[in-house]
N, C-alpha and C. Protein backbone atom coordinates (compact mmCIF):
# COMPACT_ATOMS: atom_id res chain seq x y z
N UNK A 1 27.39 -76.61 -46.94
CA UNK A 1 28.58 -76.33 -46.08
C UNK A 1 28.99 -74.65 -46.33
N UNK A 2 28.59 -73.64 -47.69
CA UNK A 2 28.66 -72.35 -47.48
C UNK A 2 27.32 -71.60 -47.78
N UNK A 3 26.51 -72.56 -47.31
CA UNK A 3 25.05 -71.36 -47.18
C UNK A 3 25.39 -70.48 -46.03
N UNK A 4 24.88 -69.82 -46.01
CA UNK A 4 25.16 -68.66 -44.51
C UNK A 4 23.75 -68.93 -43.85
N UNK A 5 22.68 -69.31 -44.61
CA UNK A 5 22.04 -69.28 -43.14
C UNK A 5 22.46 -71.05 -42.24
N UNK A 6 23.46 -71.11 -42.49
CA UNK A 6 24.13 -72.42 -41.99
C UNK A 6 25.59 -72.21 -41.06
N UNK A 7 25.93 -71.20 -41.12
CA UNK A 7 27.20 -70.91 -41.09
C UNK A 7 27.17 -70.85 -39.16
N UNK A 8 25.81 -70.62 -38.86
CA UNK A 8 26.26 -70.64 -37.24
C UNK A 8 26.35 -72.04 -36.69
N UNK A 9 26.08 -73.23 -37.68
CA UNK A 9 26.63 -74.54 -37.20
C UNK A 9 28.42 -74.59 -37.48
N UNK A 10 29.17 -74.14 -37.70
CA UNK A 10 30.39 -73.96 -37.32
C UNK A 10 31.12 -74.80 -36.18
N UNK A 11 30.32 -73.95 -35.53
CA UNK A 11 30.84 -74.13 -33.76
C UNK A 11 30.40 -75.44 -33.92
N UNK A 12 29.68 -76.28 -34.28
CA UNK A 12 29.74 -77.59 -33.89
C UNK A 12 29.85 -78.51 -35.28
N UNK A 13 30.29 -77.96 -36.18
CA UNK A 13 31.34 -79.06 -36.63
C UNK A 13 32.66 -78.95 -36.17
N UNK A 14 33.23 -77.55 -36.02
CA UNK A 14 34.64 -77.37 -35.47
C UNK A 14 34.83 -78.51 -34.18
N UNK A 15 33.60 -78.64 -32.89
CA UNK A 15 33.58 -79.57 -31.81
C UNK A 15 34.17 -81.16 -32.43
N UNK A 16 33.17 -81.05 -33.77
CA UNK A 16 33.42 -82.75 -33.91
C UNK A 16 34.21 -83.01 -34.41
N UNK A 17 35.40 -82.54 -35.13
CA UNK A 17 36.76 -82.32 -35.83
C UNK A 17 37.82 -82.12 -34.46
N UNK A 18 37.70 -81.73 -33.75
CA UNK A 18 38.36 -81.45 -32.91
C UNK A 18 38.67 -83.17 -32.02
N UNK A 19 37.04 -83.83 -31.80
CA UNK A 19 36.63 -84.86 -31.39
C UNK A 19 37.17 -85.81 -32.07
N UNK A 20 37.20 -85.99 -33.34
CA UNK A 20 37.55 -86.57 -34.83
C UNK A 20 39.39 -86.79 -34.54
N UNK A 21 39.69 -85.92 -34.47
CA UNK A 21 41.31 -85.81 -34.13
C UNK A 21 41.74 -86.08 -32.67
N UNK A 22 41.44 -86.15 -31.75
CA UNK A 22 41.56 -86.96 -30.20
C UNK A 22 41.91 -88.17 -30.40
N UNK A 23 40.72 -88.44 -30.97
CA UNK A 23 40.11 -89.88 -31.31
C UNK A 23 41.25 -90.57 -32.47
N UNK A 24 41.37 -89.95 -33.22
CA UNK A 24 42.65 -90.50 -34.42
C UNK A 24 44.02 -90.60 -33.83
N UNK A 25 44.70 -90.46 -32.67
CA UNK A 25 45.62 -90.77 -32.18
C UNK A 25 46.08 -92.13 -32.04
N UNK A 26 47.00 -92.33 -31.98
CA UNK A 26 47.25 -93.63 -31.88
C UNK A 26 47.41 -94.46 -30.29
N UNK A 27 47.88 -93.54 -29.93
CA UNK A 27 47.72 -93.63 -28.27
C UNK A 27 46.42 -93.20 -27.58
N UNK A 28 45.78 -93.65 -26.45
CA UNK A 28 44.94 -93.33 -25.68
C UNK A 28 44.71 -91.83 -25.24
N UNK A 29 43.57 -91.43 -26.03
CA UNK A 29 43.15 -90.02 -25.22
C UNK A 29 43.49 -89.50 -24.29
N UNK A 30 44.33 -88.17 -23.85
CA UNK A 30 44.66 -87.45 -22.67
C UNK A 30 42.76 -87.43 -22.00
N UNK A 31 42.64 -87.97 -20.54
CA UNK A 31 41.29 -87.38 -19.86
C UNK A 31 41.29 -86.23 -19.66
N UNK A 32 42.39 -85.58 -19.84
CA UNK A 32 41.67 -83.54 -19.35
C UNK A 32 41.35 -83.19 -20.88
N UNK A 33 41.88 -83.49 -21.95
CA UNK A 33 41.68 -83.26 -23.43
C UNK A 33 39.88 -83.58 -23.59
N UNK A 34 40.01 -85.13 -23.88
CA UNK A 34 38.25 -85.84 -23.91
C UNK A 34 37.51 -85.22 -22.74
N UNK A 35 37.71 -84.74 -21.33
CA UNK A 35 36.70 -83.91 -20.54
C UNK A 35 36.73 -82.62 -21.09
N UNK A 36 37.44 -81.78 -21.84
CA UNK A 36 37.40 -80.81 -21.70
C UNK A 36 36.61 -80.37 -23.05
N UNK A 37 36.47 -81.84 -23.86
CA UNK A 37 36.18 -81.41 -25.40
C UNK A 37 34.48 -81.70 -24.45
N UNK A 38 34.54 -82.84 -23.65
CA UNK A 38 32.79 -83.07 -23.84
C UNK A 38 32.58 -81.55 -23.10
N UNK A 39 33.43 -81.03 -21.95
CA UNK A 39 32.70 -79.84 -21.56
C UNK A 39 32.10 -78.74 -21.97
N UNK A 40 32.44 -78.63 -23.71
CA UNK A 40 32.74 -77.77 -24.66
C UNK A 40 31.49 -78.29 -25.28
N UNK A 41 31.10 -79.72 -25.48
CA UNK A 41 30.04 -80.12 -25.82
C UNK A 41 28.70 -79.78 -25.41
N UNK A 42 28.94 -80.05 -23.48
CA UNK A 42 27.86 -79.70 -23.03
C UNK A 42 27.39 -78.22 -22.70
N UNK A 43 28.18 -77.14 -22.78
CA UNK A 43 27.94 -75.82 -23.21
C UNK A 43 27.26 -75.76 -24.28
N UNK A 44 28.10 -75.78 -25.55
CA UNK A 44 27.54 -75.98 -26.75
C UNK A 44 25.74 -76.00 -26.90
N UNK A 45 25.35 -76.68 -26.12
CA UNK A 45 23.72 -77.68 -26.15
C UNK A 45 23.36 -76.78 -25.11
N UNK A 46 23.92 -75.26 -24.36
CA UNK A 46 22.99 -74.41 -23.71
C UNK A 46 22.07 -73.61 -25.06
N UNK A 47 20.76 -73.56 -25.12
CA UNK A 47 20.61 -72.29 -26.40
C UNK A 47 19.96 -71.33 -25.42
N UNK A 48 20.45 -70.48 -25.80
CA UNK A 48 19.64 -68.85 -25.24
C UNK A 48 19.32 -68.07 -26.61
N UNK A 49 18.16 -67.41 -25.91
CA UNK A 49 18.03 -66.48 -27.06
C UNK A 49 18.71 -65.01 -26.64
N UNK A 50 19.64 -64.52 -25.89
CA UNK A 50 20.47 -63.69 -25.94
C UNK A 50 21.83 -64.03 -25.69
N UNK A 51 21.87 -65.15 -25.93
CA UNK A 51 23.99 -66.11 -26.24
C UNK A 51 24.30 -65.44 -27.33
N UNK A 52 25.30 -66.14 -27.78
CA UNK A 52 26.08 -65.67 -29.31
C UNK A 52 25.47 -66.51 -30.11
N UNK A 53 26.23 -66.48 -31.28
CA UNK A 53 25.26 -66.53 -32.53
C UNK A 53 25.30 -68.00 -32.78
N UNK A 54 25.30 -68.74 -32.27
CA UNK A 54 25.03 -70.43 -32.23
C UNK A 54 23.84 -70.55 -30.93
N UNK A 55 24.41 -70.00 -29.84
CA UNK A 55 22.98 -70.04 -28.90
C UNK A 55 21.57 -69.61 -28.96
N UNK A 56 22.41 -68.81 -29.94
CA UNK A 56 20.43 -68.21 -30.35
C UNK A 56 19.87 -68.46 -31.42
N UNK A 57 20.89 -69.37 -32.56
CA UNK A 57 20.21 -69.84 -33.48
C UNK A 57 19.54 -70.97 -33.48
N UNK A 58 20.51 -71.94 -32.24
CA UNK A 58 19.71 -72.86 -31.58
C UNK A 58 18.69 -72.94 -30.85
N UNK A 59 18.87 -71.64 -30.22
CA UNK A 59 17.19 -71.29 -29.61
C UNK A 59 16.01 -71.37 -29.92
N UNK A 60 16.43 -70.50 -31.38
CA UNK A 60 15.24 -70.16 -32.31
C UNK A 60 15.05 -72.17 -33.44
N UNK A 61 15.94 -72.75 -33.57
CA UNK A 61 16.09 -74.16 -34.06
C UNK A 61 14.43 -74.63 -32.93
N UNK A 62 15.12 -74.18 -31.34
CA UNK A 62 14.42 -74.93 -30.86
C UNK A 62 12.48 -74.80 -30.62
N UNK A 63 12.52 -73.45 -30.68
CA UNK A 63 11.41 -72.98 -31.01
C UNK A 63 10.44 -73.19 -32.31
N UNK A 64 11.13 -73.93 -33.09
CA UNK A 64 10.39 -74.12 -34.74
C UNK A 64 10.28 -75.28 -35.20
N UNK A 65 10.35 -76.34 -34.33
CA UNK A 65 11.10 -77.39 -34.53
C UNK A 65 10.98 -78.67 -34.03
N UNK A 66 9.79 -79.57 -33.61
CA UNK A 66 9.58 -80.35 -32.55
C UNK A 66 10.87 -81.64 -32.75
N UNK A 67 11.06 -81.84 -33.89
CA UNK A 67 12.45 -82.80 -34.06
C UNK A 67 13.59 -82.19 -33.34
N UNK A 68 14.07 -81.27 -33.89
CA UNK A 68 14.90 -80.73 -32.72
C UNK A 68 15.06 -80.69 -31.59
N UNK A 69 13.25 -80.24 -30.75
CA UNK A 69 13.63 -80.88 -29.81
C UNK A 69 14.18 -82.11 -29.23
N UNK A 70 13.39 -83.33 -30.18
CA UNK A 70 13.40 -84.39 -29.50
C UNK A 70 15.05 -84.70 -29.48
N UNK A 71 15.48 -84.31 -30.72
CA UNK A 71 16.73 -84.36 -31.04
C UNK A 71 17.67 -83.93 -29.82
N UNK A 72 17.32 -82.29 -29.12
CA UNK A 72 18.58 -81.78 -28.46
C UNK A 72 18.66 -82.91 -27.02
N UNK A 73 17.20 -83.36 -26.87
CA UNK A 73 16.82 -84.46 -25.37
C UNK A 73 17.88 -85.17 -25.48
N UNK A 74 17.82 -86.12 -26.96
CA UNK A 74 19.06 -87.33 -26.74
C UNK A 74 20.00 -86.95 -26.63
N UNK A 75 20.49 -85.37 -27.14
CA UNK A 75 21.83 -85.25 -26.85
C UNK A 75 22.38 -84.94 -25.56
N UNK A 76 21.49 -83.94 -24.82
CA UNK A 76 21.84 -83.70 -23.75
C UNK A 76 22.12 -85.06 -22.94
N UNK A 77 20.65 -86.35 -22.69
CA UNK A 77 21.01 -87.28 -22.21
C UNK A 77 22.23 -88.21 -22.62
N UNK A 78 22.62 -88.09 -23.65
CA UNK A 78 23.74 -89.11 -23.88
C UNK A 78 25.42 -87.90 -23.18
N UNK A 79 25.22 -86.41 -23.01
CA UNK A 79 26.36 -85.61 -22.47
C UNK A 79 26.45 -85.93 -21.31
N UNK A 80 25.66 -86.51 -20.69
CA UNK A 80 25.25 -86.51 -19.63
C UNK A 80 25.37 -85.14 -18.47
N UNK A 81 25.75 -85.49 -16.68
CA UNK A 81 25.82 -84.08 -16.34
C UNK A 81 27.13 -83.74 -15.90
N UNK A 82 27.45 -82.45 -16.01
CA UNK A 82 28.70 -82.69 -14.95
C UNK A 82 29.18 -82.85 -14.52
N UNK A 83 30.55 -83.32 -14.39
CA UNK A 83 31.39 -84.15 -13.26
C UNK A 83 30.86 -83.07 -12.09
N UNK A 84 30.89 -83.92 -10.86
CA UNK A 84 31.33 -83.45 -9.46
C UNK A 84 32.86 -82.76 -9.30
N UNK A 85 33.01 -81.74 -8.97
CA UNK A 85 34.04 -81.37 -9.35
C UNK A 85 34.33 -81.69 -7.73
N UNK A 86 35.81 -82.58 -6.98
CA UNK A 86 36.78 -82.59 -6.13
C UNK A 86 37.34 -81.14 -5.37
N UNK A 87 37.01 -81.86 -4.16
CA UNK A 87 37.97 -80.45 -3.56
C UNK A 87 38.66 -80.81 -2.95
């Protein structure tokens, strides 16, 4: 948890905590909040060589490990596509 090599994963663990907190409330989660967290997850899963700290490290992990590529594919499928905007 305190290893500097894994500090970049803080963004992901923070998102997991936010999802847990939303699911822990006794009432139905608000749709807007749930959709917002889903959109954050989709954005976070975009690796980029020139992005922020998480995106750069995630990009590098994808370059170094076939297992990360397979896991990434599964996560992207689960997150689905962005919902179409209604005008």
